[in-house]
Protein backbone atom coordinates (compact mmCIF):
# COMPACT_ATOMS: atom_id res chain seq x y z
CA MET A 1 0.06 -0.05 0.02
CA LEU A 2 1.08 3.38 -0.84
CA THR A 3 2.05 5.73 2.01
CA THR A 4 1.35 9.72 2.26
CA LYS A 5 3.65 11.75 4.24
CA LYS A 6 3.26 15.42 5.65
CA SER A 7 5.91 17.08 2.97
CA GLU A 8 4.11 15.36 0.42
CA LEU A 9 0.57 16.75 1.20
CA ILE A 10 2.31 20.25 1.60
CA LYS A 11 3.55 19.92 -1.90
CA ILE A 12 0.29 18.40 -3.29
CA PHE A 13 -1.74 21.10 -1.64
CA LYS A 14 0.15 23.97 -2.77
CA LYS A 15 0.05 22.54 -6.27
CA ALA A 16 -3.83 22.50 -6.02
CA GLY A 17 -3.62 26.83 -4.72
CA LEU A 18 -3.44 26.50 -1.48
CA LYS A 19 -1.24 29.61 0.17
CA LYS A 20 -0.85 31.32 3.39
CA ASN A 21 -3.40 33.07 4.92
CA ASP A 22 -6.24 31.12 2.68
CA THR A 23 -9.74 29.75 3.61
CA VAL A 24 -10.11 26.08 2.46
CA LEU A 25 -12.90 24.10 2.43
CA ILE A 26 -11.89 20.37 2.32
CA HIS A 27 -13.76 17.55 1.03
CA SER A 28 -11.87 14.34 1.53
CA SER A 29 -11.60 10.81 1.25
CA ILE A 30 -9.10 9.40 3.42
CA PHE A 31 -8.29 6.23 1.66
CA SER A 32 -7.09 7.56 -1.58
CA LEU A 33 -3.86 8.41 0.47
CA GLY A 34 -3.12 4.77 1.12
CA ARG A 35 -1.56 4.94 4.66
CA LEU A 36 -1.25 8.49 5.75
CA GLN A 37 1.56 8.87 8.19
CA GLY A 38 0.71 10.32 11.50
CA GLY A 39 -2.61 9.54 10.50
CA LEU A 40 -5.45 12.12 10.39
CA GLU A 41 -3.68 15.13 12.26
CA THR A 42 -1.18 15.21 9.32
CA LEU A 43 -3.68 16.18 6.90
CA TYR A 44 -5.17 19.04 9.46
CA LYS A 45 -1.43 19.81 10.00
CA SER A 46 -0.26 19.96 6.28
CA MET A 47 -2.86 22.54 5.53
CA LYS A 48 -2.43 24.79 8.80
CA TYR A 49 1.09 24.86 7.75
CA ILE A 50 0.44 26.53 4.69
CA ILE A 51 -1.89 28.62 5.66
CA GLY A 52 -0.85 29.99 8.85
CA SER A 53 -2.17 31.48 11.86
CA LYS A 54 -4.42 33.65 10.00
CA GLY A 55 -5.94 31.03 7.49
CA ASN A 56 -9.20 28.82 7.83
CA ILE A 57 -9.97 25.46 7.13
CA ILE A 58 -13.81 24.58 6.97
CA VAL A 59 -14.46 20.70 6.84
CA PRO A 60 -18.55 19.34 6.22
CA ASN A 61 -20.61 17.96 9.00
CA PHE A 62 -23.42 16.73 7.23
CA THR A 63 -26.14 15.33 9.24
CA TYR A 64 -29.16 15.46 7.36
CA SER A 65 -30.84 15.10 10.70
CA PHE A 66 -34.22 17.11 9.91
CA ARG A 67 -34.50 14.71 6.77
CA ARG A 68 -34.09 11.83 8.93
CA LYS A 69 -36.64 13.16 11.65
CA LYS A 70 -33.96 13.65 13.91
CA THR A 71 -33.08 16.35 16.32
CA PHE A 72 -29.70 18.14 15.56
CA ASN A 73 -27.09 18.53 18.64
CA VAL A 74 -24.33 20.86 17.20
CA ASN A 75 -22.28 19.72 20.18
CA THR A 76 -23.10 15.83 19.59
CA SER A 77 -24.66 14.78 16.08
CA GLN A 78 -22.24 13.01 14.04
CA SER A 79 -21.38 13.37 10.36
CA CYS A 80 -22.88 10.92 8.11
CA LYS A 81 -20.38 8.63 7.13
CA SER A 82 -20.43 9.06 3.66
CA ILE A 83 -18.66 12.35 3.93
CA GLY A 84 -15.72 10.51 5.50
CA ILE A 85 -13.70 10.02 8.82
CA PHE A 86 -11.67 13.55 8.45
CA SER A 87 -15.08 15.35 9.18
CA GLU A 88 -15.50 13.60 12.72
CA PHE A 89 -11.73 14.19 13.73
CA PHE A 90 -12.49 17.65 12.70
CA ARG A 91 -15.49 18.29 14.43
CA LYS A 92 -14.08 17.11 17.71
CA LYS A 93 -11.73 19.34 17.56
CA LYS A 94 -10.93 21.74 20.67
CA ASN A 95 -11.08 25.14 18.35
CA SER A 96 -13.58 23.86 16.16
CA VAL A 97 -16.72 25.88 15.05
CA ARG A 98 -19.95 24.11 13.82
CA SER A 99 -22.67 25.61 12.16
CA LEU A 100 -26.28 25.40 13.18
CA ASP A 101 -27.63 23.94 10.13
CA PRO A 102 -29.25 20.96 11.23
CA LEU A 103 -28.80 19.44 7.25
CA PHE A 104 -25.35 20.63 6.37
CA SER A 105 -23.11 21.85 8.81
CA MET A 106 -19.79 22.49 8.83
CA SER A 107 -16.97 22.92 11.40
CA CYS A 108 -14.39 25.78 10.97
CA ILE A 109 -10.99 26.45 12.46
CA GLY A 110 -9.27 29.77 12.02
CA PRO A 111 -9.88 33.71 12.84
CA ASP A 112 -13.38 33.98 10.96
CA SER A 113 -14.36 31.01 12.26
CA LYS A 114 -17.40 32.15 14.16
CA LYS A 115 -18.39 34.73 11.34
CA LEU A 116 -18.10 32.11 8.56
CA MET A 117 -20.19 29.62 10.50
CA LYS A 118 -22.73 31.81 11.78
CA ARG A 119 -26.30 30.83 10.65
CA ASP A 120 -27.76 33.99 8.92
CA SER A 121 -30.80 32.08 6.94
CA ASN A 122 -32.71 28.70 7.02
CA ASN A 123 -30.95 28.63 3.50
CA CYS A 124 -28.96 25.58 2.94
CA PHE A 125 -27.82 27.00 -0.26
CA GLY A 126 -28.37 30.44 -1.92
CA LYS A 127 -28.79 33.80 -0.43
CA ASN A 128 -27.64 34.32 3.49
CA SER A 129 -26.26 30.68 2.89
CA THR A 130 -22.86 29.34 4.47
CA PHE A 131 -22.01 28.43 1.04
CA GLU A 132 -22.70 32.42 -0.12
CA LYS A 133 -19.87 33.06 2.79
CA ILE A 134 -17.43 30.76 0.98
CA VAL A 135 -18.24 32.05 -2.35
CA ASN A 136 -17.94 35.65 -1.52
CA LYS A 137 -14.56 35.04 0.58
CA ASN A 138 -13.35 33.29 -2.95
CA THR A 139 -12.71 30.02 -0.94
CA LEU A 140 -10.39 27.40 -1.87
CA VAL A 141 -12.39 24.05 -2.50
CA ILE A 142 -10.25 21.22 -2.69
CA GLY A 143 -11.77 17.91 -3.39
CA LEU A 144 -9.56 15.11 -2.17
CA GLY A 145 -9.87 11.54 -3.62
CA ILE A 146 -13.59 12.45 -4.85
CA SER A 147 -14.68 12.98 -8.59
CA TYR A 148 -17.13 16.23 -9.84
CA SER A 149 -20.62 14.16 -9.68
CA THR A 150 -19.72 12.88 -5.85
CA GLY A 151 -18.71 15.13 -2.80
CA LEU A 152 -18.71 18.48 -3.64
CA PRO A 153 -22.19 20.19 -2.58
CA ILE A 154 -21.24 23.45 -3.87
CA PHE A 155 -22.66 22.64 -7.11
CA MET A 156 -26.21 22.65 -5.48
CA HIS A 157 -25.18 25.97 -4.34
CA SER A 158 -25.03 27.17 -7.91
CA GLU A 159 -28.34 24.98 -8.94
CA LYS A 160 -30.22 27.28 -6.57
CA ILE A 161 -28.84 30.35 -8.02
CA ALA A 162 -29.65 29.29 -11.26
CA ASN A 163 -33.07 28.07 -10.19
CA VAL A 164 -32.88 24.44 -12.07
CA PHE A 165 -36.32 22.94 -12.85
CA TYR A 166 -35.24 19.76 -11.30
CA ARG A 167 -34.82 20.73 -8.19
CA ARG A 168 -37.58 22.40 -5.37
CA ASN A 169 -36.91 24.02 -2.14
CA ILE A 170 -38.22 21.78 0.58
CA LYS A 171 -38.84 23.43 4.09
CA LEU A 172 -38.25 20.91 7.10
CA LYS A 173 -38.45 21.42 10.51
CA GLY A 174 -37.30 20.02 13.76
CA ARG A 175 -35.58 20.67 17.22
CA ILE A 176 -31.93 21.85 17.37
CA VAL A 177 -29.63 21.82 20.31
CA ARG A 178 -27.33 24.79 20.09
CA HIS A 179 -23.90 25.25 21.73
CA ASP A 180 -25.26 26.58 24.91
CA LYS A 181 -27.12 23.00 25.07
CA LYS A 182 -30.40 25.00 25.00
CA LYS A 183 -32.97 23.06 22.71
CA ILE A 184 -35.09 25.54 19.99
CA ARG A 185 -37.23 24.65 17.18
CA GLY A 186 -35.61 24.85 13.89
CA CYS A 187 -36.17 25.27 10.27
CA ALA A 188 -33.75 24.50 7.31
CA ILE A 189 -34.86 25.23 3.65
CA HIS A 190 -33.39 22.34 1.62
CA PHE A 191 -33.26 22.46 -2.45
CA ALA A 192 -33.84 19.42 -3.00
CA ARG A 193 -34.10 16.88 -6.18
CA HIS A 194 -37.40 16.85 -7.27
CA GLU A 195 -37.71 12.81 -6.69
CA LYS A 196 -41.44 12.69 -7.61
CA LYS A 197 -41.29 14.49 -10.80
CA TYR A 198 -38.09 13.22 -12.06
CA PRO A 199 -37.40 9.96 -9.89
CA ASN A 200 -35.13 8.17 -12.34
CA LEU A 201 -33.03 11.61 -12.94
CA ILE A 202 -29.18 10.99 -13.11
CA ILE A 203 -26.77 13.84 -12.61
CA ASP A 204 -23.57 13.29 -13.98
CA ARG A 205 -21.17 16.49 -13.63
CA GLU A 206 -17.99 15.28 -14.93
CA ASN A 207 -18.00 16.49 -18.62
CA VAL A 208 -18.71 20.18 -17.11
CA GLY A 209 -15.74 19.60 -14.78
CA LYS A 210 -13.75 18.93 -18.06
CA MET A 211 -15.05 21.94 -19.44
CA LEU A 212 -14.05 23.79 -16.26
CA GLU A 213 -10.51 22.49 -16.21
CA ARG A 214 -10.37 23.75 -19.85
CA LYS A 215 -11.33 26.89 -18.91
CA LYS A 216 -8.31 26.96 -15.96
CA ILE A 217 -11.31 27.83 -13.01
CA SER A 218 -11.01 23.93 -11.99
CA LYS A 219 -7.49 21.95 -11.78
CA LYS A 220 -7.26 17.74 -11.09
CA ILE A 221 -4.21 16.75 -10.15
CA ARG A 222 -3.75 12.79 -9.91
CA PHE A 223 -2.18 11.91 -6.46
CA LYS A 224 -1.54 8.05 -4.92
CA TYR A 225 -4.72 6.21 -5.48
CA GLY A 226 -7.55 9.37 -6.86
CA ASN A 227 -7.30 12.76 -7.73
CA ILE A 228 -7.16 15.98 -6.11
CA ILE A 229 -9.83 18.96 -7.48
CA SER A 230 -9.23 22.14 -6.63
CA PHE A 231 -11.13 25.78 -7.68
CA ARG A 232 -11.82 28.94 -6.23
CA ALA A 233 -15.36 28.73 -5.29
CA LYS A 234 -16.05 32.69 -6.85
CA PRO A 235 -15.15 32.14 -10.52
CA PHE A 236 -16.26 28.50 -10.15
CA VAL A 237 -20.03 29.66 -9.26
CA ASN A 238 -20.20 32.25 -11.43
CA GLU A 239 -18.82 29.99 -14.47
CA THR A 240 -21.31 26.89 -13.62
CA VAL A 241 -24.39 29.17 -13.03
CA LYS A 242 -24.00 30.84 -16.33
CA LEU A 243 -23.77 27.23 -17.82
CA LEU A 244 -27.08 26.16 -16.34
CA LYS A 245 -28.65 29.34 -17.50
CA GLU A 246 -27.09 28.49 -20.85
CA ASN A 247 -28.42 24.55 -20.55
CA PRO A 248 -30.40 23.59 -17.40
CA LYS A 249 -29.87 20.50 -18.36
CA ILE A 250 -26.28 20.19 -18.52
CA PHE A 251 -25.53 18.29 -15.25
CA ILE A 252 -28.21 15.59 -16.17
CA LYS A 253 -27.09 12.55 -17.62
CA ASN A 254 -30.52 10.91 -17.68
CA GLU A 255 -34.15 12.65 -16.92
CA SER A 256 -36.59 9.59 -18.24
């Protein structure tokens, strides 16, 4: 089995565009790294080494709690296993600040963590959402060992802005346990696929990913057992929204 060292991660992250004082959102499938020397702390420290004390690291902690009719406890609700093992590791770090989104929560470590993770609306995507803050900060998004079609929910933010026909707003309600352990009634508006109207719809964004690479908006680097995808959030969203408005079916492989 291949082994990944901290020095290799630092080198590849710099090649992906990560720099000092940066804000980075990382989606990860750790298994693509093979044996990670030093464990998950190595992944964290390699990014921290580059961005320094003024940079921010954001990691998804999605739970989909309200869709599962469960209470969302910002202090204890575990990330779904599909999000990857680094998600739980990062969430549990002492200085990690988690958002109150009961579907798509994220955690952040860095000087802007409280501002970035403050929940300004019930929207999971679109106006006043966490993703809007990520875009406005022109965050570097890194997909470690994943594809364009899986593991990059920022695409849904673009779909929300473009108001694609195959998704619709779904308002979900439930209970939220806040950081101070107080339980409150909560609401989340998810821009979810219209499953009843389009039950067999298949999303495939790989061709769009290749288009973005040709336009130098996105970058794909082969590394160990997978690929690293990286892009700046603002040009990425601007371009994908443009593509969706020109062709609302551009992400769709099968609509029947």
